[in-house]
Protein backbone atom coordinates (compact mmCIF):
# COMPACT_ATOMS: atom_id res chain seq x y z
CA UNK A 1 0.00 0.00 0.00
CA UNK A 2 1.42 3.38 -1.01
CA UNK A 3 1.67 6.19 1.52
CA UNK A 4 -0.58 9.18 0.88
CA UNK A 5 0.83 12.45 2.18
CA UNK A 6 -1.73 15.15 2.92
CA UNK A 7 -1.84 18.33 4.91
CA UNK A 8 -4.34 18.45 7.77
CA UNK A 9 -6.61 20.62 5.60
CA UNK A 10 -6.47 18.18 2.69
CA UNK A 11 -7.21 15.25 5.02
CA UNK A 12 -10.16 17.10 6.56
CA UNK A 13 -11.72 18.07 3.23
CA UNK A 14 -11.18 14.54 1.88
CA UNK A 15 -12.91 13.11 4.96
CA UNK A 16 -15.81 15.59 4.65
CA UNK A 17 -16.42 14.70 0.99
CA UNK A 18 -16.42 10.98 1.83
CA UNK A 19 -19.21 11.27 4.42
CA UNK A 20 -22.76 10.43 3.43
CA UNK A 21 -26.13 9.86 5.05
CA UNK A 22 -28.43 7.01 4.10
CA UNK A 23 -31.99 8.22 3.62
CA UNK A 24 -35.05 6.19 4.58
CA UNK A 25 -35.51 5.15 0.94
CA UNK A 26 -31.96 3.76 0.87
CA UNK A 27 -30.45 6.55 -1.23
CA UNK A 28 -27.23 8.23 -0.15
CA UNK A 29 -26.90 11.97 0.27
CA UNK A 30 -23.72 13.93 1.07
CA UNK A 31 -23.43 14.71 4.79
CA UNK A 32 -22.08 18.18 4.03
CA UNK A 33 -23.84 20.38 1.47
CA UNK A 34 -20.94 22.81 1.52
CA UNK A 35 -18.91 25.02 3.82
CA UNK A 36 -19.00 28.70 4.74
CA UNK A 37 -15.92 30.80 5.26
CA UNK A 38 -14.60 34.31 5.57
CA UNK A 39 -11.27 34.18 3.77
CA UNK A 40 -8.56 36.20 5.43
CA UNK A 41 -10.24 35.38 8.73
CA UNK A 42 -8.56 32.93 11.10
CA UNK A 43 -11.22 30.23 10.73
CA UNK A 44 -10.22 29.28 7.17
CA UNK A 45 -6.62 30.48 7.04
CA UNK A 46 -5.16 27.06 6.21
CA UNK A 47 -8.17 25.59 4.45
CA UNK A 48 -8.49 27.74 1.32
CA UNK A 49 -6.28 25.66 -0.96
CA UNK A 50 -7.73 22.35 0.24
CA UNK A 51 -11.30 23.62 -0.20
CA UNK A 52 -10.46 24.80 -3.69
CA UNK A 53 -9.21 21.30 -4.53
CA UNK A 54 -12.59 19.73 -3.68
CA UNK A 55 -14.81 22.59 -4.90
CA UNK A 56 -16.87 20.29 -7.16
CA UNK A 57 -17.79 17.91 -4.32
CA UNK A 58 -17.83 20.41 -1.44
CA UNK A 59 -18.74 23.95 -2.53
CA UNK A 60 -17.45 26.87 -0.48
CA UNK A 61 -19.76 29.79 0.16
CA UNK A 62 -18.39 33.16 1.18
CA UNK A 63 -19.89 34.92 4.16
CA UNK A 64 -19.33 38.58 4.91
CA UNK A 65 -19.60 38.23 8.68
CA UNK A 66 -20.37 35.63 11.35
CA UNK A 67 -23.89 36.91 11.97
CA UNK A 68 -24.99 36.45 8.35
CA UNK A 69 -23.59 32.91 8.30
CA UNK A 70 -25.41 32.07 11.55
CA UNK A 71 -28.73 33.30 10.08
CA UNK A 72 -28.19 31.23 6.95
CA UNK A 73 -27.29 28.12 8.97
CA UNK A 74 -30.50 28.46 11.05
CA UNK A 75 -32.61 28.90 7.91
CA UNK A 76 -30.95 25.86 6.28
CA UNK A 77 -31.58 23.72 9.37
CA UNK A 78 -35.24 24.76 9.48
CA UNK A 79 -35.67 24.03 5.76
CA UNK A 80 -34.37 20.46 6.08
């Protein structure tokens, strides 16, 4: 077995894209619909490149501040 060398950010995004949830009808749905981030902010400082690498499987949405992202997360949770 060959060794795969990844940064922590690459390992995290790879793990997130591999997660799925089995629905009651047996179909699989991604566990993560995407991620939110404020680039240049400490919460995504090391993740930008890794997120860009998986942008087709795990879209990244840009928030302008924490409050707007919290409102969107609440609305998303209520919708589901």
